[in-house]
Amino acid sequence: MERLARQVMLILGLLSWGGSLWGAQDSTEVSSQPDRQPGEGIYQAHCAECHGPSGHGDGPRAALLAPRPGNLVSAATSTKTDEELLAIISRGVPRTAMRGWEGELSDAEQRKVLAYIRSLVHFQAPTQTPSPP
């Protein structure tokens, strides 16, 4: 029952974020290949080394870092608001390897990275209705 409640909360949180992120675009290109998702190229160039290519916190540098990089597809990250995540992207996290990207990435690029991070979260509907408690 607790698991179902968490899933419902996550889905409601995702629905509340709406599509505002997908409209934030500019002409800045990080690579010569177009992104499959907004911000993918920026993420791969600046974030994947620690957070991993699919955001699970398992990048090549992850084992060398303490504390370990955040799992961007976890429930804890998924329930953060866009403003909270943009603040982390911009200013970093004190006493961790997560530095702020404010001076290197524009606001539009940071929003593209956030949009890409949000696209990494994939929910699957339960295959069976849970039995009552």
N, C-alpha and C. Protein backbone atom coordinates (compact mmCIF):
# COMPACT_ATOMS: atom_id res chain seq x y z
N MET A 1 0.82 -1.18 0.00
CA MET A 1 0.00 0.00 0.00
C MET A 1 0.87 1.25 0.00
N GLU A 2 1.95 1.21 0.80
CA GLU A 2 2.86 2.34 0.87
C GLU A 2 3.53 2.59 -0.48
N ARG A 3 3.87 1.52 -1.16
CA ARG A 3 4.50 1.64 -2.48
C ARG A 3 3.54 2.30 -3.47
N LEU A 4 2.28 1.88 -3.45
CA LEU A 4 1.28 2.46 -4.33
C LEU A 4 1.10 3.95 -4.03
N ALA A 5 1.09 4.31 -2.76
CA ALA A 5 0.94 5.72 -2.39
C ALA A 5 2.12 6.54 -2.91
N ARG A 6 3.34 5.98 -2.81
CA ARG A 6 4.52 6.69 -3.34
C ARG A 6 4.41 6.87 -4.85
N GLN A 7 3.98 5.82 -5.55
CA GLN A 7 3.84 5.91 -7.00
C GLN A 7 2.82 6.97 -7.39
N VAL A 8 1.70 7.01 -6.68
CA VAL A 8 0.67 8.01 -6.96
C VAL A 8 1.22 9.41 -6.73
N MET A 9 1.97 9.60 -5.63
CA MET A 9 2.55 10.92 -5.34
C MET A 9 3.53 11.34 -6.44
N LEU A 10 4.34 10.41 -6.90
CA LEU A 10 5.30 10.73 -7.96
C LEU A 10 4.59 11.09 -9.25
N ILE A 11 3.56 10.34 -9.60
CA ILE A 11 2.83 10.63 -10.83
C ILE A 11 2.15 11.99 -10.73
N LEU A 12 1.54 12.28 -9.59
CA LEU A 12 0.92 13.59 -9.41
C LEU A 12 1.94 14.71 -9.48
N GLY A 13 3.12 14.46 -8.91
CA GLY A 13 4.18 15.46 -8.99
C GLY A 13 4.61 15.72 -10.43
N LEU A 14 4.76 14.66 -11.19
CA LEU A 14 5.14 14.83 -12.59
C LEU A 14 4.08 15.58 -13.37
N LEU A 15 2.82 15.28 -13.11
CA LEU A 15 1.74 15.98 -13.80
C LEU A 15 1.73 17.46 -13.46
N SER A 16 2.09 17.80 -12.22
CA SER A 16 2.06 19.21 -11.81
C SER A 16 3.17 20.03 -12.46
N TRP A 17 4.23 19.35 -12.91
CA TRP A 17 5.32 20.09 -13.55
C TRP A 17 4.91 20.64 -14.90
N GLY A 18 3.97 20.01 -15.53
CA GLY A 18 3.46 20.51 -16.81
C GLY A 18 4.50 20.52 -17.90
N GLY A 19 4.19 21.21 -18.97
CA GLY A 19 5.07 21.24 -20.12
C GLY A 19 5.88 22.51 -20.23
N SER A 20 5.96 23.30 -19.15
CA SER A 20 6.66 24.59 -19.24
C SER A 20 8.13 24.43 -19.60
N LEU A 21 8.75 23.33 -19.18
CA LEU A 21 10.17 23.16 -19.47
C LEU A 21 10.44 22.94 -20.94
N TRP A 22 9.52 22.27 -21.61
CA TRP A 22 9.78 21.88 -23.00
C TRP A 22 9.81 23.09 -23.91
N GLY A 23 9.24 24.22 -23.49
CA GLY A 23 9.24 25.41 -24.32
C GLY A 23 10.51 26.24 -24.17
N ALA A 24 11.33 25.98 -23.15
CA ALA A 24 12.53 26.78 -22.92
C ALA A 24 13.64 26.29 -23.83
N GLN A 25 13.85 27.02 -24.93
CA GLN A 25 14.90 26.64 -25.86
C GLN A 25 15.60 27.89 -26.36
N ASP A 26 16.85 27.72 -26.73
CA ASP A 26 17.57 28.78 -27.39
C ASP A 26 18.39 28.15 -28.51
N SER A 27 19.19 28.93 -29.19
CA SER A 27 19.91 28.42 -30.35
C SER A 27 21.28 27.86 -29.99
N THR A 28 21.64 27.80 -28.71
CA THR A 28 22.95 27.29 -28.30
C THR A 28 23.04 25.80 -28.58
N GLU A 29 24.07 25.38 -29.27
CA GLU A 29 24.29 23.97 -29.56
C GLU A 29 25.55 23.51 -28.86
N VAL A 30 25.51 22.35 -28.21
CA VAL A 30 26.66 21.81 -27.53
C VAL A 30 27.41 20.85 -28.45
N SER A 31 26.68 20.14 -29.30
CA SER A 31 27.31 19.21 -30.22
C SER A 31 26.74 19.42 -31.60
N SER A 32 27.37 18.80 -32.58
CA SER A 32 26.91 18.96 -33.95
C SER A 32 25.68 18.11 -34.22
N GLN A 33 25.40 17.11 -33.36
CA GLN A 33 24.21 16.29 -33.53
C GLN A 33 23.07 16.88 -32.72
N PRO A 34 21.87 16.91 -33.28
CA PRO A 34 20.74 17.45 -32.52
C PRO A 34 20.40 16.53 -31.35
N ASP A 35 19.88 17.13 -30.27
CA ASP A 35 19.47 16.37 -29.10
C ASP A 35 18.26 15.51 -29.44
N ARG A 36 18.23 14.29 -28.89
CA ARG A 36 17.02 13.48 -28.99
C ARG A 36 15.98 14.05 -28.04
N GLN A 37 16.41 14.59 -26.95
CA GLN A 37 15.56 15.24 -25.96
C GLN A 37 16.21 16.59 -25.67
N PRO A 38 15.42 17.60 -25.26
CA PRO A 38 16.04 18.87 -24.92
C PRO A 38 17.11 18.70 -23.84
N GLY A 39 18.29 19.21 -24.09
CA GLY A 39 19.36 19.17 -23.10
C GLY A 39 20.21 17.92 -23.08
N GLU A 40 19.92 16.94 -23.91
CA GLU A 40 20.69 15.69 -23.86
C GLU A 40 22.17 15.92 -24.11
N GLY A 41 22.51 16.70 -25.10
CA GLY A 41 23.92 16.95 -25.41
C GLY A 41 24.64 17.66 -24.27
N ILE A 42 23.98 18.62 -23.66
CA ILE A 42 24.56 19.35 -22.53
C ILE A 42 24.75 18.38 -21.36
N TYR A 43 23.74 17.56 -21.09
CA TYR A 43 23.83 16.59 -20.00
C TYR A 43 25.00 15.63 -20.24
N GLN A 44 25.09 15.08 -21.43
CA GLN A 44 26.15 14.12 -21.73
C GLN A 44 27.53 14.77 -21.60
N ALA A 45 27.65 16.03 -21.98
CA ALA A 45 28.94 16.72 -21.93
C ALA A 45 29.35 17.13 -20.51
N HIS A 46 28.39 17.46 -19.66
CA HIS A 46 28.71 18.02 -18.36
C HIS A 46 28.29 17.20 -17.14
N CYS A 47 27.34 16.29 -17.30
CA CYS A 47 26.75 15.62 -16.13
C CYS A 47 26.97 14.11 -16.11
N ALA A 48 27.03 13.48 -17.27
CA ALA A 48 27.05 12.02 -17.35
C ALA A 48 28.29 11.41 -16.71
N GLU A 49 29.38 12.14 -16.67
CA GLU A 49 30.60 11.59 -16.08
C GLU A 49 30.40 11.19 -14.62
N CYS A 50 29.57 11.93 -13.91
CA CYS A 50 29.28 11.60 -12.51
C CYS A 50 27.93 10.90 -12.36
N HIS A 51 26.89 11.45 -12.98
CA HIS A 51 25.54 10.93 -12.80
C HIS A 51 25.22 9.74 -13.70
N GLY A 52 26.08 9.45 -14.66
CA GLY A 52 25.85 8.32 -15.55
C GLY A 52 24.99 8.69 -16.74
N PRO A 53 25.10 7.92 -17.82
CA PRO A 53 24.38 8.24 -19.05
C PRO A 53 22.86 8.22 -18.90
N SER A 54 22.35 7.44 -17.96
CA SER A 54 20.90 7.38 -17.78
C SER A 54 20.46 7.97 -16.44
N GLY A 55 21.36 8.69 -15.75
CA GLY A 55 21.01 9.43 -14.55
C GLY A 55 20.95 8.64 -13.26
N HIS A 56 21.47 7.42 -13.23
CA HIS A 56 21.37 6.58 -12.04
C HIS A 56 22.49 6.84 -11.01
N GLY A 57 23.33 7.85 -11.23
CA GLY A 57 24.41 8.14 -10.29
C GLY A 57 25.57 7.16 -10.41
N ASP A 58 25.70 6.55 -11.58
CA ASP A 58 26.69 5.50 -11.79
C ASP A 58 27.69 5.82 -12.91
N GLY A 59 28.03 7.09 -13.04
CA GLY A 59 29.00 7.49 -14.05
C GLY A 59 30.39 6.99 -13.73
N PRO A 60 31.33 7.13 -14.67
CA PRO A 60 32.69 6.64 -14.46
C PRO A 60 33.39 7.23 -13.24
N ARG A 61 33.06 8.45 -12.84
CA ARG A 61 33.69 9.07 -11.67
C ARG A 61 32.96 8.78 -10.37
N ALA A 62 31.77 8.21 -10.44
CA ALA A 62 30.91 8.05 -9.26
C ALA A 62 31.59 7.30 -8.12
N ALA A 63 32.28 6.23 -8.42
CA ALA A 63 32.91 5.42 -7.36
C ALA A 63 34.00 6.19 -6.62
N LEU A 64 34.53 7.23 -7.24
CA LEU A 64 35.61 8.01 -6.63
C LEU A 64 35.09 9.16 -5.77
N LEU A 65 33.79 9.38 -5.77
CA LEU A 65 33.22 10.54 -5.08
C LEU A 65 32.52 10.14 -3.79
N ALA A 66 32.70 10.98 -2.77
CA ALA A 66 31.99 10.80 -1.51
C ALA A 66 31.47 12.16 -1.07
N PRO A 67 30.19 12.34 -0.94
CA PRO A 67 29.16 11.35 -1.20
C PRO A 67 28.99 11.08 -2.69
N ARG A 68 28.37 9.95 -2.98
CA ARG A 68 28.16 9.55 -4.37
C ARG A 68 27.22 10.53 -5.07
N PRO A 69 27.33 10.65 -6.39
CA PRO A 69 26.41 11.53 -7.13
C PRO A 69 24.96 11.09 -6.96
N GLY A 70 24.08 12.04 -7.04
CA GLY A 70 22.67 11.75 -6.88
C GLY A 70 22.12 10.90 -8.02
N ASN A 71 21.16 10.05 -7.68
CA ASN A 71 20.43 9.27 -8.65
C ASN A 71 19.30 10.16 -9.14
N LEU A 72 19.40 10.63 -10.37
CA LEU A 72 18.46 11.62 -10.89
C LEU A 72 17.10 11.04 -11.25
N VAL A 73 16.98 9.72 -11.24
CA VAL A 73 15.70 9.09 -11.53
C VAL A 73 15.06 8.52 -10.27
N SER A 74 15.64 8.81 -9.10
CA SER A 74 15.10 8.31 -7.84
C SER A 74 13.85 9.08 -7.45
N ALA A 75 13.09 8.50 -6.54
CA ALA A 75 11.90 9.17 -6.03
C ALA A 75 12.27 10.49 -5.35
N ALA A 76 13.37 10.49 -4.62
CA ALA A 76 13.79 11.70 -3.90
C ALA A 76 14.05 12.86 -4.86
N THR A 77 14.69 12.58 -5.97
CA THR A 77 14.96 13.63 -6.96
C THR A 77 13.70 13.97 -7.74
N SER A 78 12.95 12.96 -8.11
CA SER A 78 11.75 13.18 -8.93
C SER A 78 10.71 14.04 -8.25
N THR A 79 10.67 14.02 -6.92
CA THR A 79 9.67 14.81 -6.21
C THR A 79 10.11 16.24 -5.94
N LYS A 80 11.34 16.57 -6.26
CA LYS A 80 11.80 17.96 -6.10
C LYS A 80 11.13 18.83 -7.16
N THR A 81 10.89 20.07 -6.82
CA THR A 81 10.29 20.99 -7.78
C THR A 81 11.34 21.41 -8.81
N ASP A 82 10.87 21.96 -9.91
CA ASP A 82 11.79 22.47 -10.92
C ASP A 82 12.70 23.54 -10.33
N GLU A 83 12.14 24.40 -9.49
CA GLU A 83 12.93 25.46 -8.88
C GLU A 83 14.04 24.88 -8.01
N GLU A 84 13.73 23.84 -7.24
CA GLU A 84 14.75 23.20 -6.40
C GLU A 84 15.87 22.60 -7.25
N LEU A 85 15.49 21.90 -8.31
CA LEU A 85 16.51 21.28 -9.16
C LEU A 85 17.32 22.32 -9.94
N LEU A 86 16.66 23.39 -10.39
CA LEU A 86 17.40 24.44 -11.09
C LEU A 86 18.39 25.12 -10.14
N ALA A 87 18.02 25.27 -8.88
CA ALA A 87 18.95 25.86 -7.90
C ALA A 87 20.16 24.95 -7.71
N ILE A 88 19.95 23.64 -7.69
CA ILE A 88 21.06 22.70 -7.56
C ILE A 88 21.95 22.75 -8.79
N ILE A 89 21.34 22.77 -9.97
CA ILE A 89 22.12 22.84 -11.20
C ILE A 89 22.92 24.13 -11.24
N SER A 90 22.30 25.21 -10.86
CA SER A 90 22.94 26.53 -10.92
C SER A 90 24.00 26.73 -9.85
N ARG A 91 23.67 26.42 -8.59
CA ARG A 91 24.56 26.73 -7.47
C ARG A 91 25.35 25.53 -6.93
N GLY A 92 24.95 24.31 -7.32
CA GLY A 92 25.64 23.13 -6.81
C GLY A 92 25.13 22.72 -5.45
N VAL A 93 25.83 21.75 -4.85
CA VAL A 93 25.46 21.23 -3.53
C VAL A 93 26.71 21.33 -2.65
N PRO A 94 26.63 22.09 -1.55
CA PRO A 94 27.80 22.23 -0.66
C PRO A 94 28.30 20.88 -0.15
N ARG A 95 29.59 20.80 0.03
CA ARG A 95 30.28 19.62 0.57
C ARG A 95 30.10 18.37 -0.28
N THR A 96 29.87 18.57 -1.58
CA THR A 96 29.82 17.45 -2.52
C THR A 96 30.60 17.85 -3.77
N ALA A 97 30.73 16.92 -4.69
CA ALA A 97 31.39 17.22 -5.96
C ALA A 97 30.48 17.95 -6.93
N MET A 98 29.20 18.12 -6.57
CA MET A 98 28.25 18.79 -7.44
C MET A 98 28.48 20.29 -7.38
N ARG A 99 29.18 20.76 -8.40
CA ARG A 99 29.45 22.20 -8.46
C ARG A 99 28.33 22.90 -9.22
N GLY A 100 28.23 24.19 -9.06
CA GLY A 100 27.22 24.96 -9.77
C GLY A 100 27.67 25.26 -11.19
N TRP A 101 26.70 25.31 -12.09
CA TRP A 101 26.98 25.57 -13.51
C TRP A 101 26.56 26.98 -13.92
N GLU A 102 26.26 27.83 -12.95
CA GLU A 102 25.76 29.18 -13.23
C GLU A 102 26.67 29.97 -14.16
N GLY A 103 27.95 29.91 -13.98
CA GLY A 103 28.87 30.69 -14.81
C GLY A 103 29.17 30.08 -16.16
N GLU A 104 28.84 28.80 -16.35
CA GLU A 104 29.19 28.11 -17.59
C GLU A 104 27.99 27.80 -18.48
N LEU A 105 26.83 27.60 -17.89
CA LEU A 105 25.63 27.30 -18.67
C LEU A 105 24.63 28.43 -18.49
N SER A 106 24.04 28.86 -19.58
CA SER A 106 23.02 29.90 -19.52
C SER A 106 21.78 29.35 -18.81
N ASP A 107 20.87 30.25 -18.44
CA ASP A 107 19.61 29.82 -17.83
C ASP A 107 18.86 28.88 -18.76
N ALA A 108 18.85 29.19 -20.04
CA ALA A 108 18.15 28.34 -21.02
C ALA A 108 18.81 26.96 -21.10
N GLU A 109 20.13 26.90 -21.06
CA GLU A 109 20.82 25.60 -21.09
C GLU A 109 20.53 24.80 -19.83
N GLN A 110 20.49 25.48 -18.68
CA GLN A 110 20.17 24.79 -17.43
C GLN A 110 18.76 24.22 -17.49
N ARG A 111 17.83 24.95 -18.07
CA ARG A 111 16.46 24.46 -18.21
C ARG A 111 16.40 23.26 -19.17
N LYS A 112 17.23 23.29 -20.19
CA LYS A 112 17.28 22.15 -21.11
C LYS A 112 17.80 20.91 -20.40
N VAL A 113 18.82 21.08 -19.56
CA VAL A 113 19.34 19.95 -18.78
C VAL A 113 18.24 19.42 -17.87
N LEU A 114 17.53 20.31 -17.20
CA LEU A 114 16.44 19.88 -16.33
C LEU A 114 15.38 19.12 -17.12
N ALA A 115 15.02 19.62 -18.29
CA ALA A 115 14.04 18.92 -19.13
C ALA A 115 14.54 17.52 -19.48
N TYR A 116 15.81 17.41 -19.79
CA TYR A 116 16.36 16.09 -20.12
C TYR A 116 16.33 15.17 -18.90
N ILE A 117 16.71 15.69 -17.73
CA ILE A 117 16.67 14.89 -16.51
C ILE A 117 15.25 14.39 -16.27
N ARG A 118 14.27 15.26 -16.43
CA ARG A 118 12.87 14.85 -16.25
C ARG A 118 12.50 13.76 -17.25
N SER A 119 13.05 13.79 -18.45
CA SER A 119 12.72 12.78 -19.46
C SER A 119 13.29 11.41 -19.13
N LEU A 120 14.27 11.35 -18.23
CA LEU A 120 14.89 10.08 -17.85
C LEU A 120 13.99 9.23 -16.95
N VAL A 121 13.04 9.87 -16.28
CA VAL A 121 12.17 9.17 -15.35
C VAL A 121 11.05 8.51 -16.14
N HIS A 122 10.97 7.19 -16.03
CA HIS A 122 9.92 6.43 -16.73
C HIS A 122 9.15 5.61 -15.71
N PHE A 123 7.87 5.88 -15.62
CA PHE A 123 7.02 5.14 -14.71
C PHE A 123 6.29 4.06 -15.47
N GLN A 124 6.12 2.93 -14.83
CA GLN A 124 5.36 1.85 -15.42
C GLN A 124 4.13 1.63 -14.55
N ALA A 125 3.00 1.49 -15.21
CA ALA A 125 1.78 1.22 -14.47
C ALA A 125 1.85 -0.19 -13.88
N PRO A 126 1.32 -0.35 -12.69
CA PRO A 126 1.32 -1.70 -12.10
C PRO A 126 0.59 -2.67 -13.01
N THR A 127 1.09 -3.90 -13.11
CA THR A 127 0.46 -4.89 -13.98
C THR A 127 -0.75 -5.51 -13.33
N GLN A 128 -0.82 -5.46 -12.01
CA GLN A 128 -1.97 -6.01 -11.29
C GLN A 128 -2.41 -5.02 -10.24
N THR A 129 -3.68 -5.06 -9.94
CA THR A 129 -4.20 -4.24 -8.86
C THR A 129 -3.77 -4.87 -7.54
N PRO A 130 -3.16 -4.08 -6.66
CA PRO A 130 -2.71 -4.66 -5.39
C PRO A 130 -3.91 -5.16 -4.57
N SER A 131 -3.69 -6.22 -3.84
CA SER A 131 -4.76 -6.75 -2.99
C SER A 131 -4.98 -5.82 -1.82
N PRO A 132 -6.22 -5.76 -1.32
CA PRO A 132 -6.50 -4.87 -0.20
C PRO A 132 -5.73 -5.31 1.06
N PRO A 133 -5.45 -4.35 1.96
CA PRO A 133 -4.69 -4.69 3.17
C PRO A 133 -5.45 -5.62 4.10
